[in-house]
């Protein structure tokens, strides 16, 4: 479909399928995939590490506040603050 000034409309979807010889799939090279996968693994590791920090900090927090009854709130407060970012 053309626009009013004769150019091809880039937002218009075409229903025409490309010929079979032009429908080749292109995959990223290994040099491009390895950094992406490494970044994903690092992100997963950091999220898992972040989630386990509160478990090791609970004894220190409990000693500081002198209240064992509020242990349930420590994780909730930590997740609430983390979700605000």
C-alpha atoms as a PDB file:
ATOM      1  CA  UNK A   1       0.000   0.000   0.000  1.00  0.00           C
ATOM      2  CA  UNK A   2       1.313   3.440  -0.861  1.00  0.00           C
ATOM      3  CA  UNK A   3       0.964   6.613   1.178  1.00  0.00           C
ATOM      4  CA  UNK A   4      -0.590   9.795  -0.182  1.00  0.00           C
ATOM      5  CA  UNK A   5       2.790  10.992  -1.520  1.00  0.00           C
ATOM      6  CA  UNK A   6       3.572   7.748  -3.364  1.00  0.00           C
ATOM      7  CA  UNK A   7       5.961   6.141  -0.857  1.00  0.00           C
ATOM      8  CA  UNK A   8       5.511   2.652   0.517  1.00  0.00           C
ATOM      9  CA  UNK A   9       3.746   2.708   3.907  1.00  0.00           C
ATOM     10  CA  UNK A  10       6.142   1.102   6.444  1.00  0.00           C
ATOM     11  CA  UNK A  11       3.375   0.507   9.014  1.00  0.00           C
ATOM     12  CA  UNK A  12       1.057  -1.386   6.691  1.00  0.00           C
ATOM     13  CA  UNK A  13       1.251  -5.136   7.077  1.00  0.00           C
ATOM     14  CA  UNK A  14       1.298  -7.079   3.888  1.00  0.00           C
ATOM     15  CA  UNK A  15      -0.459 -10.395   3.595  1.00  0.00           C
ATOM     16  CA  UNK A  16       1.793 -11.545   0.791  1.00  0.00           C
ATOM     17  CA  UNK A  17       4.097 -14.405   1.669  1.00  0.00           C
ATOM     18  CA  UNK A  18       7.654 -14.332   0.347  1.00  0.00           C
ATOM     19  CA  UNK A  19       8.576 -16.942  -2.229  1.00  0.00           C
ATOM     20  CA  UNK A  20       9.915 -20.187  -0.806  1.00  0.00           C
ATOM     21  CA  UNK A  21      13.490 -19.509  -1.865  1.00  0.00           C
ATOM     22  CA  UNK A  22      13.517 -16.190   0.074  1.00  0.00           C
ATOM     23  CA  UNK A  23      12.086 -17.629   3.314  1.00  0.00           C
ATOM     24  CA  UNK A  24      15.451 -18.742   4.749  1.00  0.00           C
ATOM     25  CA  UNK A  25      15.895 -18.534   8.499  1.00  0.00           C
ATOM     26  CA  UNK A  26      18.901 -16.650   9.785  1.00  0.00           C
ATOM     27  CA  UNK A  27      20.337 -17.475  13.196  1.00  0.00           C
ATOM     28  CA  UNK A  28      22.816 -15.397  15.169  1.00  0.00           C
ATOM     29  CA  UNK A  29      26.432 -16.481  15.096  1.00  0.00           C
ATOM     30  CA  UNK A  30      28.128 -18.248  17.982  1.00  0.00           C
ATOM     31  CA  UNK A  31      30.160 -15.110  18.724  1.00  0.00           C
ATOM     32  CA  UNK A  32      26.905 -13.277  19.312  1.00  0.00           C
ATOM     33  CA  UNK A  33      25.084 -16.039  21.223  1.00  0.00           C
ATOM     34  CA  UNK A  34      27.784 -16.746  23.826  1.00  0.00           C
ATOM     35  CA  UNK A  35      27.773 -13.236  25.399  1.00  0.00           C
ATOM     36  CA  UNK A  36      23.975 -13.227  25.466  1.00  0.00           C
ATOM     37  CA  UNK A  37      23.780 -16.598  27.209  1.00  0.00           C
ATOM     38  CA  UNK A  38      26.556 -15.605  29.637  1.00  0.00           C
ATOM     39  CA  UNK A  39      24.685 -12.403  30.517  1.00  0.00           C
ATOM     40  CA  UNK A  40      21.483 -14.370  31.129  1.00  0.00           C
ATOM     41  CA  UNK A  41      23.300 -16.850  33.392  1.00  0.00           C
ATOM     42  CA  UNK A  42      24.885 -13.977  35.322  1.00  0.00           C
ATOM     43  CA  UNK A  43      21.490 -12.304  35.748  1.00  0.00           C
ATOM     44  CA  UNK A  44      19.930 -15.552  37.024  1.00  0.00           C
ATOM     45  CA  UNK A  45      22.815 -16.021  39.459  1.00  0.00           C
ATOM     46  CA  UNK A  46      22.539 -12.470  40.801  1.00  0.00           C
ATOM     47  CA  UNK A  47      18.781 -12.777  41.298  1.00  0.00           C
ATOM     48  CA  UNK A  48      19.231 -16.064  43.167  1.00  0.00           C
ATOM     49  CA  UNK A  49      21.987 -14.523  45.291  1.00  0.00           C
ATOM     50  CA  UNK A  50      19.835 -11.507  46.035  1.00  0.00           C
ATOM     51  CA  UNK A  51      16.951 -13.701  47.186  1.00  0.00           C
ATOM     52  CA  UNK A  52      19.138 -15.697  49.585  1.00  0.00           C
ATOM     53  CA  UNK A  53      20.830 -12.738  51.276  1.00  0.00           C
ATOM     54  CA  UNK A  54      17.914 -12.184  53.637  1.00  0.00           C
ATOM     55  CA  UNK A  55      18.134 -15.772  54.907  1.00  0.00           C
ATOM     56  CA  UNK A  56      21.697 -15.257  56.131  1.00  0.00           C
ATOM     57  CA  UNK A  57      20.928 -11.820  57.559  1.00  0.00           C
ATOM     58  CA  UNK A  58      17.936 -12.854  59.711  1.00  0.00           C
ATOM     59  CA  UNK A  59      19.965 -13.861  62.813  1.00  0.00           C
ATOM     60  CA  UNK A  60      21.792 -10.534  62.834  1.00  0.00           C
ATOM     61  CA  UNK A  61      18.581  -8.563  62.304  1.00  0.00           C
ATOM     62  CA  UNK A  62      16.842 -10.505  65.078  1.00  0.00           C
ATOM     63  CA  UNK A  63      19.713  -9.794  67.494  1.00  0.00           C
ATOM     64  CA  UNK A  64      19.656  -6.117  66.582  1.00  0.00           C
ATOM     65  CA  UNK A  65      15.883  -5.644  67.098  1.00  0.00           C
ATOM     66  CA  UNK A  66      15.628  -8.135  70.035  1.00  0.00           C
ATOM     67  CA  UNK A  67      12.407  -9.548  68.605  1.00  0.00           C
ATOM     68  CA  UNK A  68      11.974 -13.062  67.310  1.00  0.00           C
ATOM     69  CA  UNK A  69       8.265 -12.479  66.634  1.00  0.00           C
ATOM     70  CA  UNK A  70       8.972 -10.102  63.741  1.00  0.00           C
ATOM     71  CA  UNK A  71      11.023 -12.558  61.677  1.00  0.00           C
ATOM     72  CA  UNK A  72       8.186 -12.912  59.164  1.00  0.00           C
ATOM     73  CA  UNK A  73       8.267  -9.212  58.434  1.00  0.00           C
ATOM     74  CA  UNK A  74      11.957  -9.157  57.493  1.00  0.00           C
ATOM     75  CA  UNK A  75      11.488 -11.046  54.251  1.00  0.00           C
ATOM     76  CA  UNK A  76       8.298  -9.157  53.452  1.00  0.00           C
ATOM     77  CA  UNK A  77       9.948  -5.785  53.956  1.00  0.00           C
ATOM     78  CA  UNK A  78      12.936  -6.886  51.890  1.00  0.00           C
ATOM     79  CA  UNK A  79      10.749  -8.002  48.981  1.00  0.00           C
ATOM     80  CA  UNK A  80       8.626  -4.851  49.205  1.00  0.00           C
ATOM     81  CA  UNK A  81      11.677  -2.618  48.960  1.00  0.00           C
ATOM     82  CA  UNK A  82      13.121  -4.755  46.170  1.00  0.00           C
ATOM     83  CA  UNK A  83       9.937  -4.548  44.128  1.00  0.00           C
ATOM     84  CA  UNK A  84       9.873  -0.751  44.339  1.00  0.00           C
ATOM     85  CA  UNK A  85      12.949  -0.505  42.121  1.00  0.00           C
END
